[in-house]
């Protein structure tokens, strides 16, 4: 079965109420970096009513994620001071996931190998 060669990075956060505004500003800053990242296909931040948030990002390759981490490192460092990261998932083709294991290890992600999918 053919599947898109896309890597998805998903982060789960708990945001203290006093940091909600600053976190949202950081989300805006991350989205604004898109013009510097041709390999960054999509990004979305979603929020629940209880201080939870999820970031969903799609990339063309593991290399694009590594580039994103370099370009957005200053925003990510600020974000870590504002929230509790409660989970990280990485979804994609096995060969691309292998390239990310060492780089993402400090975040203790769960890796999921994509086997079936489609994208329009």
C-alpha atoms as a PDB file:
ATOM      1  CA  UNK A   1       0.000   0.000   0.000  1.00  0.00           C
ATOM      2  CA  UNK A   2       1.242   3.455  -0.843  1.00  0.00           C
ATOM      3  CA  UNK A   3       1.159   6.176   1.775  1.00  0.00           C
ATOM      4  CA  UNK A   4       2.238   9.802   1.858  1.00  0.00           C
ATOM      5  CA  UNK A   5       5.822  10.417   2.869  1.00  0.00           C
ATOM      6  CA  UNK A   6       4.811  12.784   5.688  1.00  0.00           C
ATOM      7  CA  UNK A   7       6.072  13.001   9.253  1.00  0.00           C
ATOM      8  CA  UNK A   8       3.615  14.236  11.887  1.00  0.00           C
ATOM      9  CA  UNK A   9       4.796  15.618  15.204  1.00  0.00           C
ATOM     10  CA  UNK A  10       2.133  15.890  17.900  1.00  0.00           C
ATOM     11  CA  UNK A  11       2.682  17.505  21.287  1.00  0.00           C
ATOM     12  CA  UNK A  12       0.375  17.466  24.305  1.00  0.00           C
ATOM     13  CA  UNK A  13       0.540  20.228  26.924  1.00  0.00           C
ATOM     14  CA  UNK A  14      -1.004  21.328  30.196  1.00  0.00           C
ATOM     15  CA  UNK A  15      -1.019  25.110  30.524  1.00  0.00           C
ATOM     16  CA  UNK A  16      -1.335  26.871  33.891  1.00  0.00           C
ATOM     17  CA  UNK A  17      -4.050  29.535  33.563  1.00  0.00           C
ATOM     18  CA  UNK A  18      -1.581  32.340  34.253  1.00  0.00           C
ATOM     19  CA  UNK A  19       0.535  31.244  31.255  1.00  0.00           C
ATOM     20  CA  UNK A  20      -2.280  30.787  28.720  1.00  0.00           C
ATOM     21  CA  UNK A  21      -1.790  34.153  27.020  1.00  0.00           C
ATOM     22  CA  UNK A  22       1.992  33.803  26.762  1.00  0.00           C
ATOM     23  CA  UNK A  23       1.638  30.267  25.390  1.00  0.00           C
ATOM     24  CA  UNK A  24      -0.766  31.483  22.684  1.00  0.00           C
ATOM     25  CA  UNK A  25       1.740  34.194  21.716  1.00  0.00           C
ATOM     26  CA  UNK A  26       4.380  31.486  21.339  1.00  0.00           C
ATOM     27  CA  UNK A  27       1.984  29.516  19.122  1.00  0.00           C
ATOM     28  CA  UNK A  28       1.649  32.604  16.907  1.00  0.00           C
ATOM     29  CA  UNK A  29       5.450  32.923  16.757  1.00  0.00           C
ATOM     30  CA  UNK A  30       5.842  29.283  15.722  1.00  0.00           C
ATOM     31  CA  UNK A  31       3.241  29.599  12.977  1.00  0.00           C
ATOM     32  CA  UNK A  32       4.944  32.791  11.755  1.00  0.00           C
ATOM     33  CA  UNK A  33       8.152  30.815  11.115  1.00  0.00           C
ATOM     34  CA  UNK A  34       6.443  28.911   8.285  1.00  0.00           C
ATOM     35  CA  UNK A  35       7.907  31.134   5.574  1.00  0.00           C
ATOM     36  CA  UNK A  36      11.412  30.112   6.675  1.00  0.00           C
ATOM     37  CA  UNK A  37      10.528  26.403   6.558  1.00  0.00           C
ATOM     38  CA  UNK A  38       9.601  25.056   3.108  1.00  0.00           C
ATOM     39  CA  UNK A  39       9.493  21.506   4.526  1.00  0.00           C
ATOM     40  CA  UNK A  40       6.889  22.433   7.158  1.00  0.00           C
ATOM     41  CA  UNK A  41       3.567  21.539   5.521  1.00  0.00           C
ATOM     42  CA  UNK A  42       1.040  22.323   8.251  1.00  0.00           C
ATOM     43  CA  UNK A  43       0.746  23.379  11.860  1.00  0.00           C
ATOM     44  CA  UNK A  44      -2.246  23.640  14.178  1.00  0.00           C
ATOM     45  CA  UNK A  45      -2.738  24.364  17.865  1.00  0.00           C
ATOM     46  CA  UNK A  46      -5.923  23.197  19.568  1.00  0.00           C
ATOM     47  CA  UNK A  47      -7.161  23.929  23.085  1.00  0.00           C
ATOM     48  CA  UNK A  48      -9.642  22.329  25.477  1.00  0.00           C
ATOM     49  CA  UNK A  49     -11.568  23.979  28.307  1.00  0.00           C
ATOM     50  CA  UNK A  50      -9.319  22.580  31.059  1.00  0.00           C
ATOM     51  CA  UNK A  51      -5.907  24.075  30.263  1.00  0.00           C
ATOM     52  CA  UNK A  52      -4.911  21.423  27.770  1.00  0.00           C
ATOM     53  CA  UNK A  53      -3.464  21.995  24.327  1.00  0.00           C
ATOM     54  CA  UNK A  54      -2.300  19.914  21.388  1.00  0.00           C
ATOM     55  CA  UNK A  55       0.082  20.935  18.635  1.00  0.00           C
ATOM     56  CA  UNK A  56      -0.036  19.062  15.317  1.00  0.00           C
ATOM     57  CA  UNK A  57       2.664  19.614  12.737  1.00  0.00           C
ATOM     58  CA  UNK A  58       3.299  17.923   9.379  1.00  0.00           C
ATOM     59  CA  UNK A  59       6.664  17.842   7.612  1.00  0.00           C
ATOM     60  CA  UNK A  60       8.051  16.462   4.366  1.00  0.00           C
ATOM     61  CA  UNK A  61      10.923  14.640   6.088  1.00  0.00           C
ATOM     62  CA  UNK A  62      12.881  14.040   9.266  1.00  0.00           C
ATOM     63  CA  UNK A  63      15.379  16.625   8.025  1.00  0.00           C
ATOM     64  CA  UNK A  64      12.582  19.215   7.888  1.00  0.00           C
ATOM     65  CA  UNK A  65      11.763  18.511  11.555  1.00  0.00           C
ATOM     66  CA  UNK A  66      15.411  18.898  12.511  1.00  0.00           C
ATOM     67  CA  UNK A  67      15.533  22.220  10.635  1.00  0.00           C
ATOM     68  CA  UNK A  68      12.340  23.333  12.396  1.00  0.00           C
ATOM     69  CA  UNK A  69      13.909  22.546  15.754  1.00  0.00           C
ATOM     70  CA  UNK A  70      16.892  24.761  14.899  1.00  0.00           C
ATOM     71  CA  UNK A  71      14.843  27.673  13.568  1.00  0.00           C
ATOM     72  CA  UNK A  72      12.261  27.579  16.374  1.00  0.00           C
ATOM     73  CA  UNK A  73      14.536  26.628  19.280  1.00  0.00           C
ATOM     74  CA  UNK A  74      14.195  30.031  20.969  1.00  0.00           C
ATOM     75  CA  UNK A  75      10.385  29.804  20.945  1.00  0.00           C
ATOM     76  CA  UNK A  76      10.400  26.188  22.138  1.00  0.00           C
ATOM     77  CA  UNK A  77      12.700  27.031  25.068  1.00  0.00           C
ATOM     78  CA  UNK A  78      10.300  29.786  26.115  1.00  0.00           C
ATOM     79  CA  UNK A  79       7.330  27.442  25.723  1.00  0.00           C
ATOM     80  CA  UNK A  80       8.880  24.783  27.981  1.00  0.00           C
ATOM     81  CA  UNK A  81       8.965  27.376  30.778  1.00  0.00           C
ATOM     82  CA  UNK A  82       5.226  28.051  30.357  1.00  0.00           C
ATOM     83  CA  UNK A  83       3.723  24.560  30.108  1.00  0.00           C
ATOM     84  CA  UNK A  84       4.033  20.958  31.169  1.00  0.00           C
ATOM     85  CA  UNK A  85       4.689  18.731  28.157  1.00  0.00           C
ATOM     86  CA  UNK A  86       2.530  15.689  28.840  1.00  0.00           C
ATOM     87  CA  UNK A  87       3.267  13.724  25.696  1.00  0.00           C
ATOM     88  CA  UNK A  88       4.913  13.695  22.294  1.00  0.00           C
ATOM     89  CA  UNK A  89       4.105  11.455  19.335  1.00  0.00           C
ATOM     90  CA  UNK A  90       5.868  11.122  16.007  1.00  0.00           C
ATOM     91  CA  UNK A  91       4.101   9.408  13.085  1.00  0.00           C
ATOM     92  CA  UNK A  92       5.676   8.548   9.757  1.00  0.00           C
ATOM     93  CA  UNK A  93       7.607   6.083   7.613  1.00  0.00           C
ATOM     94  CA  UNK A  94       9.977   3.854   9.558  1.00  0.00           C
ATOM     95  CA  UNK A  95      13.151   5.080   7.828  1.00  0.00           C
ATOM     96  CA  UNK A  96      12.319   8.717   8.642  1.00  0.00           C
ATOM     97  CA  UNK A  97      11.453   7.917  12.258  1.00  0.00           C
ATOM     98  CA  UNK A  98      14.826   6.247  12.725  1.00  0.00           C
ATOM     99  CA  UNK A  99      16.534   9.511  11.760  1.00  0.00           C
ATOM    100  CA  UNK A 100      14.692  11.301  14.598  1.00  0.00           C
ATOM    101  CA  UNK A 101      15.139   8.915  17.513  1.00  0.00           C
ATOM    102  CA  UNK A 102      18.331  10.458  18.872  1.00  0.00           C
ATOM    103  CA  UNK A 103      17.300  14.046  18.205  1.00  0.00           C
ATOM    104  CA  UNK A 104      13.904  13.763  19.885  1.00  0.00           C
ATOM    105  CA  UNK A 105      14.947  11.423  22.715  1.00  0.00           C
ATOM    106  CA  UNK A 106      14.987  14.184  25.392  1.00  0.00           C
ATOM    107  CA  UNK A 107      11.229  14.628  24.826  1.00  0.00           C
ATOM    108  CA  UNK A 108      10.601  10.883  25.284  1.00  0.00           C
ATOM    109  CA  UNK A 109       8.294  10.592  22.276  1.00  0.00           C
ATOM    110  CA  UNK A 110       6.229   7.621  21.224  1.00  0.00           C
ATOM    111  CA  UNK A 111       7.015   6.605  17.637  1.00  0.00           C
ATOM    112  CA  UNK A 112       4.293   5.261  15.334  1.00  0.00           C
ATOM    113  CA  UNK A 113       5.109   3.767  11.933  1.00  0.00           C
ATOM    114  CA  UNK A 114       2.576   4.812   9.296  1.00  0.00           C
ATOM    115  CA  UNK A 115       1.260   1.826   7.354  1.00  0.00           C
ATOM    116  CA  UNK A 116      -2.020   3.027   5.823  1.00  0.00           C
ATOM    117  CA  UNK A 117      -3.090   6.542   4.939  1.00  0.00           C
ATOM    118  CA  UNK A 118      -3.978   8.979   2.225  1.00  0.00           C
ATOM    119  CA  UNK A 119      -3.626  12.702   1.767  1.00  0.00           C
ATOM    120  CA  UNK A 120      -5.284  14.994  -0.790  1.00  0.00           C
END
